[in-house]
Amino acid sequence: MTFKLKIGTKVTDEELINSNTTIKDLLDKLNISSESVVTKKNGNIVVEDEIINDNDEIQLIRIIYGG
């Protein structure tokens, strides 16, 4: 079971860790803080406990801080 992962302009096909893989599991695997990205699943903004399903499209949008 796979899903499409978009980070910036990079798009990859990724394997699901298991059938209950969440956005948090993905962020932990990628060593990305949930506070530094907005996550979209199939075009909709989701929270980190959202489960990733086969053929989903997950997009990670980095939050830019500044002042």
PDB file of N, CA and C in Angstrom:
ATOM      1  N   MET A   1       0.842  -1.173   0.000  1.00  0.00           N
ATOM      2  CA  MET A   1       0.000   0.000   0.000  1.00  0.00           C
ATOM      3  C   MET A   1       0.890   1.240   0.000  1.00  0.00           C
ATOM      4  N   THR A   2       0.580   2.153  -0.892  1.00  0.00           N
ATOM      5  CA  THR A   2       1.407   3.339  -1.050  1.00  0.00           C
ATOM      6  C   THR A   2       0.563   4.606  -1.018  1.00  0.00           C
ATOM      7  N   PHE A   3       1.260   5.717  -0.811  1.00  0.00           N
ATOM      8  CA  PHE A   3       0.630   7.024  -0.898  1.00  0.00           C
ATOM      9  C   PHE A   3       1.622   7.972  -1.540  1.00  0.00           C
ATOM     10  N   LYS A   4       1.120   9.086  -2.069  1.00  0.00           N
ATOM     11  CA  LYS A   4       1.965  10.085  -2.704  1.00  0.00           C
ATOM     12  C   LYS A   4       2.289  11.151  -1.673  1.00  0.00           C
ATOM     13  N   LEU A   5       3.563  11.515  -1.554  1.00  0.00           N
ATOM     14  CA  LEU A   5       4.023  12.522  -0.605  1.00  0.00           C
ATOM     15  C   LEU A   5       4.616  13.700  -1.364  1.00  0.00           C
ATOM     16  N   LYS A   6       4.089  14.897  -1.084  1.00  0.00           N
ATOM     17  CA  LYS A   6       4.595  16.124  -1.694  1.00  0.00           C
ATOM     18  C   LYS A   6       5.192  16.999  -0.598  1.00  0.00           C
ATOM     19  N   ILE A   7       6.457  17.356  -0.787  1.00  0.00           N
ATOM     20  CA  ILE A   7       7.125  18.318   0.091  1.00  0.00           C
ATOM     21  C   ILE A   7       7.772  19.336  -0.833  1.00  0.00           C
ATOM     22  N   GLY A   8       7.222  20.552  -0.857  1.00  0.00           N
ATOM     23  CA  GLY A   8       7.687  21.560  -1.801  1.00  0.00           C
ATOM     24  C   GLY A   8       7.409  21.086  -3.216  1.00  0.00           C
ATOM     25  N   THR A   9       8.449  21.044  -4.050  1.00  0.00           N
ATOM     26  CA  THR A   9       8.281  20.583  -5.433  1.00  0.00           C
ATOM     27  C   THR A   9       8.609  19.095  -5.592  1.00  0.00           C
ATOM     28  N   LYS A  10       9.061  18.468  -4.517  1.00  0.00           N
ATOM     29  CA  LYS A  10       9.439  17.056  -4.568  1.00  0.00           C
ATOM     30  C   LYS A  10       8.211  16.172  -4.334  1.00  0.00           C
ATOM     31  N   VAL A  11       7.992  15.210  -5.229  1.00  0.00           N
ATOM     32  CA  VAL A  11       6.875  14.276  -5.122  1.00  0.00           C
ATOM     33  C   VAL A  11       7.438  12.856  -5.156  1.00  0.00           C
ATOM     34  N   THR A  12       7.077  12.052  -4.149  1.00  0.00           N
ATOM     35  CA  THR A  12       7.543  10.667  -4.092  1.00  0.00           C
ATOM     36  C   THR A  12       6.385   9.742  -3.747  1.00  0.00           C
ATOM     37  N   ASP A  13       6.516   8.488  -4.138  1.00  0.00           N
ATOM     38  CA  ASP A  13       5.584   7.451  -3.706  1.00  0.00           C
ATOM     39  C   ASP A  13       6.204   6.779  -2.489  1.00  0.00           C
ATOM     40  N   GLU A  14       5.434   6.701  -1.412  1.00  0.00           N
ATOM     41  CA  GLU A  14       5.923   6.151  -0.151  1.00  0.00           C
ATOM     42  C   GLU A  14       5.097   4.935   0.244  1.00  0.00           C
ATOM     43  N   GLU A  15       5.733   4.010   0.961  1.00  0.00           N
ATOM     44  CA  GLU A  15       5.040   2.835   1.493  1.00  0.00           C
ATOM     45  C   GLU A  15       4.428   3.174   2.840  1.00  0.00           C
ATOM     46  N   LEU A  16       3.210   2.693   3.070  1.00  0.00           N
ATOM     47  CA  LEU A  16       2.591   2.862   4.376  1.00  0.00           C
ATOM     48  C   LEU A  16       3.313   1.973   5.390  1.00  0.00           C
ATOM     49  N   ILE A  17       3.539   2.497   6.587  1.00  0.00           N
ATOM     50  CA  ILE A  17       4.203   1.733   7.645  1.00  0.00           C
ATOM     51  C   ILE A  17       3.306   0.565   8.054  1.00  0.00           C
ATOM     52  N   ASN A  18       2.019   0.841   8.251  1.00  0.00           N
ATOM     53  CA  ASN A  18       1.003  -0.180   8.543  1.00  0.00           C
ATOM     54  C   ASN A  18      -0.362   0.407   8.201  1.00  0.00           C
ATOM     55  N   SER A  19      -1.427  -0.335   8.434  1.00  0.00           N
ATOM     56  CA  SER A  19      -2.758   0.137   8.046  1.00  0.00           C
ATOM     57  C   SER A  19      -3.292   1.241   8.951  1.00  0.00           C
ATOM     58  N   ASN A  20      -2.624   1.509  10.058  1.00  0.00           N
ATOM     59  CA  ASN A  20      -3.045   2.574  10.969  1.00  0.00           C
ATOM     60  C   ASN A  20      -2.042   3.724  11.001  1.00  0.00           C
ATOM     61  N   THR A  21      -1.282   3.897   9.939  1.00  0.00           N
ATOM     62  CA  THR A  21      -0.284   4.956   9.883  1.00  0.00           C
ATOM     63  C   THR A  21      -0.969   6.324   9.914  1.00  0.00           C
ATOM     64  N   THR A  22      -0.507   7.180  10.812  1.00  0.00           N
ATOM     65  CA  THR A  22      -1.072   8.520  10.930  1.00  0.00           C
ATOM     66  C   THR A  22      -0.094   9.559  10.376  1.00  0.00           C
ATOM     67  N   ILE A  23      -0.589  10.773  10.242  1.00  0.00           N
ATOM     68  CA  ILE A  23       0.269  11.883   9.843  1.00  0.00           C
ATOM     69  C   ILE A  23       1.411  12.035  10.844  1.00  0.00           C
ATOM     70  N   LYS A  24       1.124  11.888  12.136  1.00  0.00           N
ATOM     71  CA  LYS A  24       2.167  11.991  13.172  1.00  0.00           C
ATOM     72  C   LYS A  24       3.250  10.941  12.942  1.00  0.00           C
ATOM     73  N   ASP A  25       2.858   9.694  12.622  1.00  0.00           N
ATOM     74  CA  ASP A  25       3.840   8.640  12.339  1.00  0.00           C
ATOM     75  C   ASP A  25       4.745   9.049  11.180  1.00  0.00           C
ATOM     76  N   LEU A  26       4.147   9.611  10.139  1.00  0.00           N
ATOM     77  CA  LEU A  26       4.913  10.056   8.977  1.00  0.00           C
ATOM     78  C   LEU A  26       5.879  11.168   9.364  1.00  0.00           C
ATOM     79  N   LEU A  27       5.393  12.168  10.104  1.00  0.00           N
ATOM     80  CA  LEU A  27       6.249  13.281  10.517  1.00  0.00           C
ATOM     81  C   LEU A  27       7.395  12.793  11.393  1.00  0.00           C
ATOM     82  N   ASP A  28       7.104  11.862  12.296  1.00  0.00           N
ATOM     83  CA  ASP A  28       8.154  11.289  13.147  1.00  0.00           C
ATOM     84  C   ASP A  28       9.199  10.572  12.300  1.00  0.00           C
ATOM     85  N   LYS A  29       8.745   9.790  11.313  1.00  0.00           N
ATOM     86  CA  LYS A  29       9.666   9.060  10.424  1.00  0.00           C
ATOM     87  C   LYS A  29      10.568  10.029   9.652  1.00  0.00           C
ATOM     88  N   LEU A  30       9.998  11.161   9.240  1.00  0.00           N
ATOM     89  CA  LEU A  30      10.740  12.156   8.465  1.00  0.00           C
ATOM     90  C   LEU A  30      11.505  13.139   9.352  1.00  0.00           C
ATOM     91  N   ASN A  31      11.333  12.995  10.682  1.00  0.00           N
ATOM     92  CA  ASN A  31      11.971  13.892  11.649  1.00  0.00           C
ATOM     93  C   ASN A  31      11.571  15.355  11.407  1.00  0.00           C
ATOM     94  N   ILE A  32      10.251  15.562  11.210  1.00  0.00           N
ATOM     95  CA  ILE A  32       9.697  16.895  10.985  1.00  0.00           C
ATOM     96  C   ILE A  32       8.734  17.207  12.121  1.00  0.00           C
ATOM     97  N   SER A  33       8.861  18.364  12.716  1.00  0.00           N
ATOM     98  CA  SER A  33       7.968  18.792  13.783  1.00  0.00           C
ATOM     99  C   SER A  33       6.604  19.179  13.212  1.00  0.00           C
ATOM    100  N   SER A  34       5.544  18.757  13.872  1.00  0.00           N
ATOM    101  CA  SER A  34       4.200  19.108  13.406  1.00  0.00           C
ATOM    102  C   SER A  34       3.944  20.603  13.519  1.00  0.00           C
ATOM    103  N   GLU A  35       4.751  21.293  14.310  1.00  0.00           N
ATOM    104  CA  GLU A  35       4.608  22.742  14.465  1.00  0.00           C
ATOM    105  C   GLU A  35       5.250  23.514  13.314  1.00  0.00           C
ATOM    106  N   SER A  36       6.005  22.812  12.461  1.00  0.00           N
ATOM    107  CA  SER A  36       6.707  23.500  11.379  1.00  0.00           C
ATOM    108  C   SER A  36       6.054  23.298  10.013  1.00  0.00           C
ATOM    109  N   VAL A  37       4.959  22.509   9.957  1.00  0.00           N
ATOM    110  CA  VAL A  37       4.288  22.256   8.688  1.00  0.00           C
ATOM    111  C   VAL A  37       2.767  22.300   8.842  1.00  0.00           C
ATOM    112  N   VAL A  38       2.112  22.575   7.727  1.00  0.00           N
ATOM    113  CA  VAL A  38       0.675  22.375   7.604  1.00  0.00           C
ATOM    114  C   VAL A  38       0.530  21.143   6.717  1.00  0.00           C
ATOM    115  N   THR A  39      -0.351  20.231   7.116  1.00  0.00           N
ATOM    116  CA  THR A  39      -0.505  18.986   6.374  1.00  0.00           C
ATOM    117  C   THR A  39      -1.848  18.947   5.670  1.00  0.00           C
ATOM    118  N   LYS A  40      -1.807  18.582   4.383  1.00  0.00           N
ATOM    119  CA  LYS A  40      -3.025  18.395   3.605  1.00  0.00           C
ATOM    120  C   LYS A  40      -3.101  16.935   3.176  1.00  0.00           C
ATOM    121  N   LYS A  41      -4.305  16.395   3.271  1.00  0.00           N
ATOM    122  CA  LYS A  41      -4.569  15.036   2.795  1.00  0.00           C
ATOM    123  C   LYS A  41      -5.632  15.156   1.715  1.00  0.00           C
ATOM    124  N   ASN A  42      -5.270  14.768   0.500  1.00  0.00           N
ATOM    125  CA  ASN A  42      -6.190  14.857  -0.635  1.00  0.00           C
ATOM    126  C   ASN A  42      -6.796  16.255  -0.771  1.00  0.00           C
ATOM    127  N   GLY A  43      -5.964  17.277  -0.521  1.00  0.00           N
ATOM    128  CA  GLY A  43      -6.379  18.659  -0.723  1.00  0.00           C
ATOM    129  C   GLY A  43      -7.015  19.334   0.478  1.00  0.00           C
ATOM    130  N   ASN A  44      -7.261  18.595   1.564  1.00  0.00           N
ATOM    131  CA  ASN A  44      -7.888  19.163   2.753  1.00  0.00           C
ATOM    132  C   ASN A  44      -6.904  19.201   3.918  1.00  0.00           C
ATOM    133  N   ILE A  45      -6.888  20.295   4.669  1.00  0.00           N
ATOM    134  CA  ILE A  45      -6.024  20.405   5.835  1.00  0.00           C
ATOM    135  C   ILE A  45      -6.501  19.419   6.891  1.00  0.00           C
ATOM    136  N   VAL A  46      -5.548  18.665   7.465  1.00  0.00           N
ATOM    137  CA  VAL A  46      -5.872  17.646   8.467  1.00  0.00           C
ATOM    138  C   VAL A  46      -4.974  17.792   9.694  1.00  0.00           C
ATOM    139  N   VAL A  47      -5.399  17.155  10.790  1.00  0.00           N
ATOM    140  CA  VAL A  47      -4.614  17.131  12.024  1.00  0.00           C
ATOM    141  C   VAL A  47      -3.709  15.913  12.018  1.00  0.00           C
ATOM    142  N   GLU A  48      -2.762  15.889  12.957  1.00  0.00           N
ATOM    143  CA  GLU A  48      -1.730  14.854  12.920  1.00  0.00           C
ATOM    144  C   GLU A  48      -2.214  13.454  13.285  1.00  0.00           C
ATOM    145  N   ASP A  49      -3.403  13.311  13.850  1.00  0.00           N
ATOM    146  CA  ASP A  49      -3.894  11.958  14.149  1.00  0.00           C
ATOM    147  C   ASP A  49      -4.737  11.372  13.013  1.00  0.00           C
ATOM    148  N   GLU A  50      -4.775  12.061  11.874  1.00  0.00           N
ATOM    149  CA  GLU A  50      -5.474  11.571  10.677  1.00  0.00           C
ATOM    150  C   GLU A  50      -4.750  10.337  10.132  1.00  0.00           C
ATOM    151  N   ILE A  51      -5.496   9.296   9.790  1.00  0.00           N
ATOM    152  CA  ILE A  51      -4.912   8.065   9.243  1.00  0.00           C
ATOM    153  C   ILE A  51      -4.684   8.220   7.743  1.00  0.00           C
ATOM    154  N   ILE A  52      -3.521   7.759   7.284  1.00  0.00           N
ATOM    155  CA  ILE A  52      -3.177   7.782   5.864  1.00  0.00           C
ATOM    156  C   ILE A  52      -3.648   6.466   5.246  1.00  0.00           C
ATOM    157  N   ASN A  53      -4.380   6.562   4.152  1.00  0.00           N
ATOM    158  CA  ASN A  53      -4.902   5.382   3.456  1.00  0.00           C
ATOM    159  C   ASN A  53      -4.169   5.152   2.143  1.00  0.00           C
ATOM    160  N   ASP A  54      -4.334   3.964   1.601  1.00  0.00           N
ATOM    161  CA  ASP A  54      -3.751   3.619   0.312  1.00  0.00           C
ATOM    162  C   ASP A  54      -4.202   4.628  -0.745  1.00  0.00           C
ATOM    163  N   ASN A  55      -3.263   5.084  -1.561  1.00  0.00           N
ATOM    164  CA  ASN A  55      -3.497   6.023  -2.666  1.00  0.00           C
ATOM    165  C   ASN A  55      -3.812   7.455  -2.239  1.00  0.00           C
ATOM    166  N   ASP A  56      -3.672   7.796  -0.952  1.00  0.00           N
ATOM    167  CA  ASP A  56      -3.858   9.185  -0.525  1.00  0.00           C
ATOM    168  C   ASP A  56      -2.727  10.050  -1.061  1.00  0.00           C
ATOM    169  N   GLU A  57      -2.995  11.337  -1.130  1.00  0.00           N
ATOM    170  CA  GLU A  57      -1.965  12.311  -1.481  1.00  0.00           C
ATOM    171  C   GLU A  57      -1.758  13.195  -0.257  1.00  0.00           C
ATOM    172  N   ILE A  58      -0.554  13.150   0.294  1.00  0.00           N
ATOM    173  CA  ILE A  58      -0.210  13.925   1.480  1.00  0.00           C
ATOM    174  C   ILE A  58       0.736  15.040   1.052  1.00  0.00           C
ATOM    175  N   GLN A  59       0.387  16.270   1.417  1.00  0.00           N
ATOM    176  CA  GLN A  59       1.236  17.408   1.089  1.00  0.00           C
ATOM    177  C   GLN A  59       1.664  18.075   2.388  1.00  0.00           C
ATOM    178  N   LEU A  60       2.960  18.271   2.546  1.00  0.00           N
ATOM    179  CA  LEU A  60       3.511  18.971   3.700  1.00  0.00           C
ATOM    180  C   LEU A  60       3.947  20.364   3.258  1.00  0.00           C
ATOM    181  N   ILE A  61       3.359  21.384   3.872  1.00  0.00           N
ATOM    182  CA  ILE A  61       3.671  22.760   3.525  1.00  0.00           C
ATOM    183  C   ILE A  61       4.413  23.380   4.698  1.00  0.00           C
ATOM    184  N   ARG A  62       5.661  23.753   4.461  1.00  0.00           N
ATOM    185  CA  ARG A  62       6.476  24.333   5.526  1.00  0.00           C
ATOM    186  C   ARG A  62       5.977  25.712   5.898  1.00  0.00           C
ATOM    187  N   ILE A  63       5.915  25.956   7.205  1.00  0.00           N
ATOM    188  CA  ILE A  63       5.525  27.251   7.714  1.00  0.00           C
ATOM    189  C   ILE A  63       6.786  28.115   7.789  1.00  0.00           C
ATOM    190  N   ILE A  64       6.685  29.325   7.271  1.00  0.00           N
ATOM    191  CA  ILE A  64       7.830  30.249   7.284  1.00  0.00           C
ATOM    192  C   ILE A  64       7.652  31.228   8.422  1.00  0.00           C
ATOM    193  N   TYR A  65       8.646  31.274   9.282  1.00  0.00           N
ATOM    194  CA  TYR A  65       8.618  32.214  10.413  1.00  0.00           C
ATOM    195  C   TYR A  65       9.465  33.427  10.063  1.00  0.00           C
ATOM    196  N   GLY A  66       9.133  34.537  10.622  1.00  0.00           N
ATOM    197  CA  GLY A  66       9.942  35.735  10.390  1.00  0.00           C
ATOM    198  C   GLY A  66       9.427  36.874  11.228  1.00  0.00           C
ATOM    199  N   GLY A  67      10.123  37.964  11.139  1.00  0.00           N
ATOM    200  CA  GLY A  67       9.661  39.072  11.950  1.00  0.00           C
ATOM    201  C   GLY A  67      10.249  40.391  11.517  1.00  0.00           C
TER     202      GLY A  67
END
